Amino acid sequence: QDRPCEACVGRRVKLPAVKRRCYHASRAATAAMAGSLTL
């Protein structure tokens, strides 16, 4: 929301981003990216 955010830094699973649909405003797309980072 146009402000700095470090909610996912250091987390093995980036759940805050998934909940907020950060990537392309899509929960599925965000989950795919977050899953890639975790894997």
Full PDB file with SEQRES, HELIX, SHEET, SSBOND, CRYST1, ORIGX, SCALE, CONECT and MASTER records, all heavy atoms in Angstrom:
SEQRES   1 A   39  GLN ASP ARG PRO CYS GLU ALA CYS VAL GLY ARG ARG VAL          
SEQRES   2 A   39  LYS LEU PRO ALA VAL LYS ARG ARG CYS TYR HIS ALA SER          
SEQRES   3 A   39  ARG ALA ALA THR ALA ALA MET ALA GLY SER LEU THR LEU          
HELIX    1 AA1 LEU A   15  ARG A   20  1                                   6    
HELIX    2 AA2 ARG A   27  THR A   38  1                                  12    
CRYST1    1.000    1.000    1.000  90.00  90.00  90.00 P 1           1          
ORIGX1      1.000000  0.000000  0.000000        0.00000                         
ORIGX2      0.000000  1.000000  0.000000        0.00000                         
ORIGX3      0.000000  0.000000  1.000000        0.00000                         
SCALE1      1.000000  0.000000  0.000000        0.00000                         
SCALE2      0.000000  1.000000  0.000000        0.00000                         
SCALE3      0.000000  0.000000  1.000000        0.00000                         
ATOM      1  N   GLN A   1       0.823  -1.205   0.000  1.00  0.00           N  
ATOM      2  CA  GLN A   1       0.000   0.000   0.000  1.00  0.00           C  
ATOM      3  C   GLN A   1       0.864   1.264   0.000  1.00  0.00           C  
ATOM      4  O   GLN A   1       0.652   2.205   0.768  1.00  0.00           O  
ATOM      5  CB  GLN A   1      -0.972  -0.014   1.186  1.00  0.00           C  
ATOM      6  CG  GLN A   1      -1.986  -1.145   1.109  1.00  0.00           C  
ATOM      7  CD  GLN A   1      -2.990  -1.138   2.240  1.00  0.00           C  
ATOM      8  OE1 GLN A   1      -2.789  -0.495   3.279  1.00  0.00           O  
ATOM      9  NE2 GLN A   1      -4.087  -1.857   2.066  1.00  0.00           N  
ATOM     10  N   ASP A   2       1.872   1.249  -0.882  1.00  0.00           N  
ATOM     11  CA  ASP A   2       2.754   2.405  -1.118  1.00  0.00           C  
ATOM     12  C   ASP A   2       3.583   2.799   0.106  1.00  0.00           C  
ATOM     13  O   ASP A   2       4.011   3.962   0.226  1.00  0.00           O  
ATOM     14  CB  ASP A   2       1.959   3.620  -1.608  1.00  0.00           C  
ATOM     15  CG  ASP A   2       1.299   3.378  -2.953  1.00  0.00           C  
ATOM     16  OD1 ASP A   2       1.869   2.624  -3.755  1.00  0.00           O  
ATOM     17  OD2 ASP A   2       0.202   3.930  -3.202  1.00  0.00           O  
ATOM     18  N   ARG A   3       3.825   1.850   1.005  1.00  0.00           N  
ATOM     19  CA  ARG A   3       4.678   2.111   2.170  1.00  0.00           C  
ATOM     20  C   ARG A   3       5.664   0.959   2.312  1.00  0.00           C  
ATOM     21  O   ARG A   3       5.383  -0.171   1.917  1.00  0.00           O  
ATOM     22  CB  ARG A   3       3.859   2.234   3.456  1.00  0.00           C  
ATOM     23  CG  ARG A   3       2.698   3.194   3.397  1.00  0.00           C  
ATOM     24  CD  ARG A   3       3.106   4.621   3.187  1.00  0.00           C  
ATOM     25  NE  ARG A   3       3.726   5.210   4.374  1.00  0.00           N  
ATOM     26  CZ  ARG A   3       4.098   6.477   4.448  1.00  0.00           C  
ATOM     27  NH1 ARG A   3       3.925   7.277   3.400  1.00  0.00           N  
ATOM     28  NH2 ARG A   3       4.643   6.957   5.546  1.00  0.00           N  
ATOM     29  N   PRO A   4       6.848   1.204   2.897  1.00  0.00           N  
ATOM     30  CA  PRO A   4       7.796   0.107   3.119  1.00  0.00           C  
ATOM     31  C   PRO A   4       7.183  -0.992   3.980  1.00  0.00           C  
ATOM     32  O   PRO A   4       6.435  -0.722   4.937  1.00  0.00           O  
ATOM     33  CB  PRO A   4       8.962   0.791   3.841  1.00  0.00           C  
ATOM     34  CG  PRO A   4       8.866   2.221   3.439  1.00  0.00           C  
ATOM     35  CD  PRO A   4       7.394   2.504   3.314  1.00  0.00           C  
ATOM     36  N   CYS A   5       7.492  -2.242   3.647  1.00  0.00           N  
ATOM     37  CA  CYS A   5       6.939  -3.392   4.369  1.00  0.00           C  
ATOM     38  C   CYS A   5       8.005  -4.479   4.448  1.00  0.00           C  
ATOM     39  O   CYS A   5       8.577  -4.865   3.434  1.00  0.00           O  
ATOM     40  CB  CYS A   5       5.699  -3.918   3.654  1.00  0.00           C  
ATOM     41  SG  CYS A   5       5.069  -5.472   4.336  1.00  0.00           S  
ATOM     42  N   GLU A   6       8.267  -4.971   5.658  1.00  0.00           N  
ATOM     43  CA  GLU A   6       9.234  -6.050   5.859  1.00  0.00           C  
ATOM     44  C   GLU A   6       8.583  -7.257   6.526  1.00  0.00           C  
ATOM     45  O   GLU A   6       9.240  -8.053   7.188  1.00  0.00           O  
ATOM     46  CB  GLU A   6      10.408  -5.549   6.699  1.00  0.00           C  
ATOM     47  CG  GLU A   6      11.180  -4.406   6.040  1.00  0.00           C  
ATOM     48  CD  GLU A   6      12.392  -3.966   6.838  1.00  0.00           C  
ATOM     49  OE1 GLU A   6      12.866  -4.741   7.692  1.00  0.00           O  
ATOM     50  OE2 GLU A   6      12.858  -2.830   6.615  1.00  0.00           O  
ATOM     51  N   ALA A   7       7.267  -7.406   6.316  1.00  0.00           N  
ATOM     52  CA  ALA A   7       6.525  -8.460   7.004  1.00  0.00           C  
ATOM     53  C   ALA A   7       7.025  -9.860   6.657  1.00  0.00           C  
ATOM     54  O   ALA A   7       6.899 -10.783   7.474  1.00  0.00           O  
ATOM     55  CB  ALA A   7       5.032  -8.341   6.672  1.00  0.00           C  
ATOM     56  N   CYS A   8       7.593 -10.038   5.465  1.00  0.00           N  
ATOM     57  CA  CYS A   8       8.016 -11.376   5.040  1.00  0.00           C  
ATOM     58  C   CYS A   8       9.515 -11.634   5.201  1.00  0.00           C  
ATOM     59  O   CYS A   8       9.973 -12.755   4.994  1.00  0.00           O  
ATOM     60  CB  CYS A   8       7.623 -11.611   3.577  1.00  0.00           C  
ATOM     61  SG  CYS A   8       5.852 -11.836   3.328  1.00  0.00           S  
ATOM     62  N   VAL A   9      10.270 -10.606   5.546  1.00  0.00           N  
ATOM     63  CA  VAL A   9      11.721 -10.759   5.638  1.00  0.00           C  
ATOM     64  C   VAL A   9      12.074 -11.753   6.742  1.00  0.00           C  
ATOM     65  O   VAL A   9      11.637 -11.615   7.892  1.00  0.00           O  
ATOM     66  CB  VAL A   9      12.410  -9.412   5.907  1.00  0.00           C  
ATOM     67  CG1 VAL A   9      13.920  -9.605   6.083  1.00  0.00           C  
ATOM     68  CG2 VAL A   9      12.134  -8.437   4.769  1.00  0.00           C  
ATOM     69  N   GLY A  10      12.862 -12.778   6.385  1.00  0.00           N  
ATOM     70  CA  GLY A  10      13.301 -13.774   7.353  1.00  0.00           C  
ATOM     71  C   GLY A  10      12.334 -14.924   7.561  1.00  0.00           C  
ATOM     72  O   GLY A  10      12.668 -15.903   8.236  1.00  0.00           O  
ATOM     73  N   ARG A  11      11.135 -14.853   6.996  1.00  0.00           N  
ATOM     74  CA  ARG A  11      10.158 -15.931   7.141  1.00  0.00           C  
ATOM     75  C   ARG A  11      10.412 -17.009   6.095  1.00  0.00           C  
ATOM     76  O   ARG A  11      10.550 -16.716   4.903  1.00  0.00           O  
ATOM     77  CB  ARG A  11       8.728 -15.396   6.965  1.00  0.00           C  
ATOM     78  CG  ARG A  11       8.237 -14.519   8.103  1.00  0.00           C  
ATOM     79  CD  ARG A  11       6.852 -13.993   7.769  1.00  0.00           C  
ATOM     80  NE  ARG A  11       6.291 -13.206   8.856  1.00  0.00           N  
ATOM     81  CZ  ARG A  11       5.401 -13.675   9.722  1.00  0.00           C  
ATOM     82  NH1 ARG A  11       4.987 -14.931   9.627  1.00  0.00           N  
ATOM     83  NH2 ARG A  11       4.920 -12.910  10.679  1.00  0.00           N  
ATOM     84  N   ARG A  12      10.428 -18.261   6.533  1.00  0.00           N  
ATOM     85  CA  ARG A  12      10.594 -19.359   5.578  1.00  0.00           C  
ATOM     86  C   ARG A  12       9.387 -19.455   4.645  1.00  0.00           C  
ATOM     87  O   ARG A  12       9.527 -19.784   3.474  1.00  0.00           O  
ATOM     88  CB  ARG A  12      10.802 -20.686   6.316  1.00  0.00           C  
ATOM     89  CG  ARG A  12      12.136 -20.770   7.041  1.00  0.00           C  
ATOM     90  CD  ARG A  12      12.350 -22.134   7.683  1.00  0.00           C  
ATOM     91  NE  ARG A  12      13.664 -22.205   8.309  1.00  0.00           N  
ATOM     92  CZ  ARG A  12      14.790 -22.526   7.679  1.00  0.00           C  
ATOM     93  NH1 ARG A  12      14.745 -22.821   6.389  1.00  0.00           N  
ATOM     94  NH2 ARG A  12      15.941 -22.557   8.305  1.00  0.00           N  
ATOM     95  N   VAL A  13       8.212 -19.210   5.180  1.00  0.00           N  
ATOM     96  CA  VAL A  13       6.991 -19.210   4.380  1.00  0.00           C  
ATOM     97  C   VAL A  13       6.429 -17.790   4.402  1.00  0.00           C  
ATOM     98  O   VAL A  13       6.174 -17.237   5.471  1.00  0.00           O  
ATOM     99  CB  VAL A  13       5.956 -20.211   4.936  1.00  0.00           C  
ATOM    100  CG1 VAL A  13       4.708 -20.201   4.058  1.00  0.00           C  
ATOM    101  CG2 VAL A  13       6.546 -21.617   5.010  1.00  0.00           C  
ATOM    102  N   LYS A  14       6.230 -17.219   3.230  1.00  0.00           N  
ATOM    103  CA  LYS A  14       5.839 -15.810   3.126  1.00  0.00           C  
ATOM    104  C   LYS A  14       4.320 -15.660   3.221  1.00  0.00           C  
ATOM    105  O   LYS A  14       3.647 -15.129   2.324  1.00  0.00           O  
ATOM    106  CB  LYS A  14       6.357 -15.219   1.812  1.00  0.00           C  
ATOM    107  CG  LYS A  14       7.822 -15.515   1.507  1.00  0.00           C  
ATOM    108  CD  LYS A  14       8.755 -14.943   2.555  1.00  0.00           C  
ATOM    109  CE  LYS A  14      10.218 -15.109   2.158  1.00  0.00           C  
ATOM    110  NZ  LYS A  14      11.148 -14.635   3.184  1.00  0.00           N  
ATOM    111  N   LEU A  15       3.749 -16.068   4.345  1.00  0.00           N  
ATOM    112  CA  LEU A  15       2.303 -16.062   4.514  1.00  0.00           C  
ATOM    113  C   LEU A  15       1.686 -14.660   4.483  1.00  0.00           C  
ATOM    114  O   LEU A  15       0.582 -14.484   3.941  1.00  0.00           O  
ATOM    115  CB  LEU A  15       1.917 -16.773   5.814  1.00  0.00           C  
ATOM    116  CG  LEU A  15       1.998 -18.300   5.779  1.00  0.00           C  
ATOM    117  CD1 LEU A  15       1.623 -18.873   7.136  1.00  0.00           C  
ATOM    118  CD2 LEU A  15       1.104 -18.869   4.687  1.00  0.00           C  
ATOM    119  N   PRO A  16       2.341 -13.638   5.067  1.00  0.00           N  
ATOM    120  CA  PRO A  16       1.717 -12.303   4.988  1.00  0.00           C  
ATOM    121  C   PRO A  16       1.432 -11.870   3.549  1.00  0.00           C  
ATOM    122  O   PRO A  16       0.373 -11.293   3.269  1.00  0.00           O  
ATOM    123  CB  PRO A  16       2.750 -11.394   5.662  1.00  0.00           C  
ATOM    124  CG  PRO A  16       3.456 -12.297   6.621  1.00  0.00           C  
ATOM    125  CD  PRO A  16       3.555 -13.616   5.915  1.00  0.00           C  
ATOM    126  N   ALA A  17       2.364 -12.153   2.643  1.00  0.00           N  
ATOM    127  CA  ALA A  17       2.158 -11.764   1.240  1.00  0.00           C  
ATOM    128  C   ALA A  17       1.009 -12.545   0.617  1.00  0.00           C  
ATOM    129  O   ALA A  17       0.214 -11.994  -0.158  1.00  0.00           O  
ATOM    130  CB  ALA A  17       3.441 -11.993   0.445  1.00  0.00           C  
ATOM    131  N   VAL A  18       0.904 -13.837   0.940  1.00  0.00           N  
ATOM    132  CA  VAL A  18      -0.180 -14.658   0.390  1.00  0.00           C  
ATOM    133  C   VAL A  18      -1.531 -14.138   0.876  1.00  0.00           C  
ATOM    134  O   VAL A  18      -2.474 -13.988   0.100  1.00  0.00           O  
ATOM    135  CB  VAL A  18       0.011 -16.136   0.778  1.00  0.00           C  
ATOM    136  CG1 VAL A  18      -1.157 -16.976   0.266  1.00  0.00           C  
ATOM    137  CG2 VAL A  18       1.326 -16.677   0.211  1.00  0.00           C  
ATOM    138  N   LYS A  19      -1.617 -13.846   2.155  1.00  0.00           N  
ATOM    139  CA  LYS A  19      -2.876 -13.344   2.716  1.00  0.00           C  
ATOM    140  C   LYS A  19      -3.285 -12.017   2.070  1.00  0.00           C  
ATOM    141  O   LYS A  19      -4.469 -11.753   1.856  1.00  0.00           O  
ATOM    142  CB  LYS A  19      -2.746 -13.178   4.225  1.00  0.00           C  
ATOM    143  CG  LYS A  19      -2.614 -14.502   4.983  1.00  0.00           C  
ATOM    144  CD  LYS A  19      -2.415 -14.260   6.468  1.00  0.00           C  
ATOM    145  CE  LYS A  19      -2.279 -15.568   7.231  1.00  0.00           C  
ATOM    146  NZ  LYS A  19      -2.013 -15.336   8.682  1.00  0.00           N  
ATOM    147  N   ARG A  20      -2.305 -11.195   1.751  1.00  0.00           N  
ATOM    148  CA  ARG A  20      -2.600  -9.870   1.185  1.00  0.00           C  
ATOM    149  C   ARG A  20      -2.719  -9.877  -0.340  1.00  0.00           C  
ATOM    150  O   ARG A  20      -2.973  -8.849  -0.949  1.00  0.00           O  
ATOM    151  CB  ARG A  20      -1.494  -8.889   1.583  1.00  0.00           C  
ATOM    152  CG  ARG A  20      -1.407  -8.624   3.077  1.00  0.00           C  
ATOM    153  CD  ARG A  20      -0.131  -7.862   3.389  1.00  0.00           C  
ATOM    154  NE  ARG A  20      -0.065  -7.471   4.794  1.00  0.00           N  
ATOM    155  CZ  ARG A  20       1.003  -6.892   5.365  1.00  0.00           C  
ATOM    156  NH1 ARG A  20       2.082  -6.634   4.617  1.00  0.00           N  
ATOM    157  NH2 ARG A  20       0.996  -6.573   6.631  1.00  0.00           N  
ATOM    158  N   ARG A  21      -2.448 -11.035  -0.961  1.00  0.00           N  
ATOM    159  CA  ARG A  21      -2.465 -11.139  -2.434  1.00  0.00           C  
ATOM    160  C   ARG A  21      -1.491 -10.137  -3.059  1.00  0.00           C  
ATOM    161  O   ARG A  21      -1.816  -9.418  -4.017  1.00  0.00           O  
ATOM    162  CB  ARG A  21      -3.879 -10.889  -2.973  1.00  0.00           C  
ATOM    163  CG  ARG A  21      -4.938 -11.867  -2.489  1.00  0.00           C  
ATOM    164  CD  ARG A  21      -6.293 -11.496  -3.082  1.00  0.00           C  
ATOM    165  NE  ARG A  21      -7.314 -12.497  -2.785  1.00  0.00           N  
ATOM    166  CZ  ARG A  21      -8.090 -12.468  -1.703  1.00  0.00           C  
ATOM    167  NH1 ARG A  21      -7.941 -11.478  -0.819  1.00  0.00           N  
ATOM    168  NH2 ARG A  21      -8.993 -13.406  -1.505  1.00  0.00           N  
ATOM    169  N   CYS A  22      -0.276 -10.079  -2.545  1.00  0.00           N  
ATOM    170  CA  CYS A  22       0.663  -9.034  -2.958  1.00  0.00           C  
ATOM    171  C   CYS A  22       1.113  -9.159  -4.409  1.00  0.00           C  
ATOM    172  O   CYS A  22       1.334  -8.150  -5.079  1.00  0.00           O  
ATOM    173  CB  CYS A  22       1.889  -9.060  -2.037  1.00  0.00           C  
ATOM    174  SG  CYS A  22       1.577  -8.446  -0.374  1.00  0.00           S  
ATOM    175  N   TYR A  23       1.273 -10.374  -4.923  1.00  0.00           N  
ATOM    176  CA  TYR A  23       1.840 -10.578  -6.260  1.00  0.00           C  
ATOM    177  C   TYR A  23       0.705 -10.624  -7.282  1.00  0.00           C  
ATOM    178  O   TYR A  23      -0.121 -11.531  -7.285  1.00  0.00           O  
ATOM    179  CB  TYR A  23       2.652 -11.875  -6.277  1.00  0.00           C  
ATOM    180  CG  TYR A  23       3.445 -12.113  -7.544  1.00  0.00           C  
ATOM    181  CD1 TYR A  23       4.383 -11.190  -7.990  1.00  0.00           C  
ATOM    182  CD2 TYR A  23       3.268 -13.277  -8.284  1.00  0.00           C  
ATOM    183  CE1 TYR A  23       5.119 -11.407  -9.138  1.00  0.00           C  
ATOM    184  CE2 TYR A  23       4.003 -13.515  -9.433  1.00  0.00           C  
ATOM    185  CZ  TYR A  23       4.924 -12.570  -9.861  1.00  0.00           C  
ATOM    186  OH  TYR A  23       5.653 -12.793 -11.006  1.00  0.00           O  
ATOM    187  N   HIS A  24       0.658  -9.633  -8.153  1.00  0.00           N  
ATOM    188  CA  HIS A  24      -0.369  -9.513  -9.194  1.00  0.00           C  
ATOM    189  C   HIS A  24      -1.781  -9.530  -8.621  1.00  0.00           C  
ATOM    190  O   HIS A  24      -2.720  -9.984  -9.296  1.00  0.00           O  
ATOM    191  CB  HIS A  24      -0.215 -10.628 -10.237  1.00  0.00           C  
ATOM    192  CG  HIS A  24       1.034 -10.509 -11.066  1.00  0.00           C  
ATOM    193  ND1 HIS A  24       1.487  -9.320 -11.581  1.00  0.00           N  
ATOM    194  CD2 HIS A  24       1.948 -11.455 -11.442  1.00  0.00           C  
ATOM    195  CE1 HIS A  24       2.602  -9.525 -12.253  1.00  0.00           C  
ATOM    196  NE2 HIS A  24       2.912 -10.801 -12.175  1.00  0.00           N  
ATOM    197  N   ALA A  25      -1.938  -9.082  -7.358  1.00  0.00           N  
ATOM    198  CA  ALA A  25      -3.251  -9.024  -6.706  1.00  0.00           C  
ATOM    199  C   ALA A  25      -3.968 -10.372  -6.741  1.00  0.00           C  
ATOM    200  O   ALA A  25      -5.199 -10.441  -6.777  1.00  0.00           O  
ATOM    201  CB  ALA A  25      -4.124  -7.947  -7.350  1.00  0.00           C  
ATOM    202  N   SER A  26      -3.195 -11.453  -6.711  1.00  0.00           N  
ATOM    203  CA  SER A  26      -3.748 -12.799  -6.814  1.00  0.00           C  
ATOM    204  C   SER A  26      -3.184 -13.680  -5.713  1.00  0.00           C  
ATOM    205  O   SER A  26      -1.954 -13.781  -5.562  1.00  0.00           O  
ATOM    206  CB  SER A  26      -3.409 -13.404  -8.179  1.00  0.00           C  
ATOM    207  OG  SER A  26      -3.596 -14.799  -8.178  1.00  0.00           O  
ATOM    208  N   ARG A  27      -4.070 -14.330  -4.963  1.00  0.00           N  
ATOM    209  CA  ARG A  27      -3.593 -15.236  -3.922  1.00  0.00           C  
ATOM    210  C   ARG A  27      -2.883 -16.441  -4.530  1.00  0.00           C  
ATOM    211  O   ARG A  27      -1.863 -16.895  -4.016  1.00  0.00           O  
ATOM    212  CB  ARG A  27      -4.760 -15.694  -3.045  1.00  0.00           C  
ATOM    213  CG  ARG A  27      -4.347 -16.604  -1.890  1.00  0.00           C  
ATOM    214  CD  ARG A  27      -5.434 -16.697  -0.847  1.00  0.00           C  
ATOM    215  NE  ARG A  27      -5.574 -15.426  -0.125  1.00  0.00           N  
ATOM    216  CZ  ARG A  27      -6.583 -15.144   0.680  1.00  0.00           C  
ATOM    217  NH1 ARG A  27      -7.566 -16.005   0.845  1.00  0.00           N  
ATOM    218  NH2 ARG A  27      -6.631 -13.975   1.299  1.00  0.00           N  
ATOM    219  N   ALA A  28      -3.400 -16.956  -5.658  1.00  0.00           N  
ATOM    220  CA  ALA A  28      -2.779 -18.115  -6.295  1.00  0.00           C  
ATOM    221  C   ALA A  28      -1.388 -17.772  -6.823  1.00  0.00           C  
ATOM    222  O   ALA A  28      -0.428 -18.531  -6.631  1.00  0.00           O  
ATOM    223  CB  ALA A  28      -3.662 -18.633  -7.423  1.00  0.00           C  
ATOM    224  N   ALA A  29      -1.266 -16.621  -7.495  1.00  0.00           N  
ATOM    225  CA  ALA A  29       0.035 -16.214  -8.032  1.00  0.00           C  
ATOM    226  C   ALA A  29       1.028 -15.939  -6.909  1.00  0.00           C  
ATOM    227  O   ALA A  29       2.204 -16.312  -6.995  1.00  0.00           O  
ATOM    228  CB  ALA A  29      -0.123 -14.977  -8.910  1.00  0.00           C  
ATOM    229  N   THR A  30       0.554 -15.305  -5.838  1.00  0.00           N  
ATOM    230  CA  THR A  30       1.431 -15.025  -4.702  1.00  0.00           C  
ATOM    231  C   THR A  30       1.867 -16.324  -4.036  1.00  0.00           C  
ATOM    232  O   THR A  30       3.026 -16.479  -3.640  1.00  0.00           O  
ATOM    233  CB  THR A  30       0.730 -14.124  -3.676  1.00  0.00           C  
ATOM    234  OG1 THR A  30       0.210 -12.968  -4.333  1.00  0.00           O  
ATOM    235  CG2 THR A  30       1.710 -13.682  -2.593  1.00  0.00           C  
ATOM    236  N   ALA A  31       0.944 -17.280  -3.925  1.00  0.00           N  
ATOM    237  CA  ALA A  31       1.285 -18.571  -3.324  1.00  0.00           C  
ATOM    238  C   ALA A  31       2.333 -19.304  -4.152  1.00  0.00           C  
ATOM    239  O   ALA A  31       3.231 -19.954  -3.605  1.00  0.00           O  
ATOM    240  CB  ALA A  31       0.031 -19.428  -3.180  1.00  0.00           C  
ATOM    241  N   ALA A  32       2.238 -19.214  -5.479  1.00  0.00           N  
ATOM    242  CA  ALA A  32       3.234 -19.856  -6.340  1.00  0.00           C  
ATOM    243  C   ALA A  32       4.611 -19.242  -6.124  1.00  0.00           C  
ATOM    244  O   ALA A  32       5.619 -19.953  -6.008  1.00  0.00           O  
ATOM    245  CB  ALA A  32       2.814 -19.743  -7.805  1.00  0.00           C  
ATOM    246  N   MET A  33       4.670 -17.910  -6.069  1.00  0.00           N  
ATOM    247  CA  MET A  33       5.957 -17.257  -5.856  1.00  0.00           C  
ATOM    248  C   MET A  33       6.496 -17.563  -4.466  1.00  0.00           C  
ATOM    249  O   MET A  33       7.686 -17.862  -4.286  1.00  0.00           O  
ATOM    250  CB  MET A  33       5.811 -15.750  -6.061  1.00  0.00           C  
ATOM    251  CG  MET A  33       7.119 -14.977  -5.928  1.00  0.00           C  
ATOM    252  SD  MET A  33       8.361 -15.449  -7.167  1.00  0.00           S  
ATOM    253  CE  MET A  33       7.637 -14.694  -8.629  1.00  0.00           C  
ATOM    254  N   ALA A  34       5.625 -17.484  -3.452  1.00  0.00           N  
ATOM    255  CA  ALA A  34       6.054 -17.779  -2.088  1.00  0.00           C  
ATOM    256  C   ALA A  34       6.501 -19.233  -1.967  1.00  0.00           C  
ATOM    257  O   ALA A  34       7.497 -19.536  -1.290  1.00  0.00           O  
ATOM    258  CB  ALA A  34       4.908 -17.502  -1.110  1.00  0.00           C  
ATOM    259  N   GLY A  35       5.786 -20.137  -2.632  1.00  0.00           N  
ATOM    260  CA  GLY A  35       6.180 -21.547  -2.610  1.00  0.00           C  
ATOM    261  C   GLY A  35       7.532 -21.773  -3.258  1.00  0.00           C  
ATOM    262  O   GLY A  35       8.338 -22.585  -2.778  1.00  0.00           O  
ATOM    263  N   SER A  36       7.792 -21.057  -4.338  1.00  0.00           N  
ATOM    264  CA  SER A  36       9.097 -21.164  -4.994  1.00  0.00           C  
ATOM    265  C   SER A  36      10.212 -20.725  -4.058  1.00  0.00           C  
ATOM    266  O   SER A  36      11.250 -21.391  -3.942  1.00  0.00           O  
ATOM    267  CB  SER A  36       9.112 -20.316  -6.269  1.00  0.00           C  
ATOM    268  OG  SER A  36      10.391 -20.325  -6.867  1.00  0.00           O  
ATOM    269  N   LEU A  37      10.011 -19.597  -3.381  1.00  0.00           N  
ATOM    270  CA  LEU A  37      11.032 -19.101  -2.461  1.00  0.00           C  
ATOM    271  C   LEU A  37      11.283 -20.090  -1.323  1.00  0.00           C  
ATOM    272  O   LEU A  37      12.434 -20.351  -0.945  1.00  0.00           O  
ATOM    273  CB  LEU A  37      10.612 -17.744  -1.900  1.00  0.00           C  
ATOM    274  CG  LEU A  37      10.540 -16.592  -2.909  1.00  0.00           C  
ATOM    275  CD1 LEU A  37       9.929 -15.352  -2.267  1.00  0.00           C  
ATOM    276  CD2 LEU A  37      11.921 -16.278  -3.470  1.00  0.00           C  
ATOM    277  N   THR A  38      10.222 -20.666  -0.780  1.00  0.00           N  
ATOM    278  CA  THR A  38      10.365 -21.634   0.313  1.00  0.00           C  
ATOM    279  C   THR A  38      11.078 -22.890  -0.160  1.00  0.00           C  
ATOM    280  O   THR A  38      11.999 -23.396   0.507  1.00  0.00           O  
ATOM    281  CB  THR A  38       8.975 -22.003   0.869  1.00  0.00           C  
ATOM    282  OG1 THR A  38       8.347 -20.831   1.377  1.00  0.00           O  
ATOM    283  CG2 THR A  38       9.092 -23.026   1.988  1.00  0.00           C  
ATOM    284  N   LEU A  39      10.666 -23.416  -1.319  1.00  0.00           N  
ATOM    285  CA  LEU A  39      11.271 -24.630  -1.857  1.00  0.00           C  
ATOM    286  C   LEU A  39      12.759 -24.442  -2.128  1.00  0.00           C  
ATOM    287  O   LEU A  39      13.592 -25.275  -1.739  1.00  0.00           O  
ATOM    288  CB  LEU A  39      10.549 -25.036  -3.137  1.00  0.00           C  
ATOM    289  CG  LEU A  39      11.161 -26.207  -3.925  1.00  0.00           C  
ATOM    290  CD1 LEU A  39      11.089 -27.482  -3.102  1.00  0.00           C  
ATOM    291  CD2 LEU A  39      10.451 -26.386  -5.260  1.00  0.00           C  
TER     292      LEU A  39                                                      
MASTER        0    0    0    2    0    0    0    6  291    1    0    3          
END                                                                             
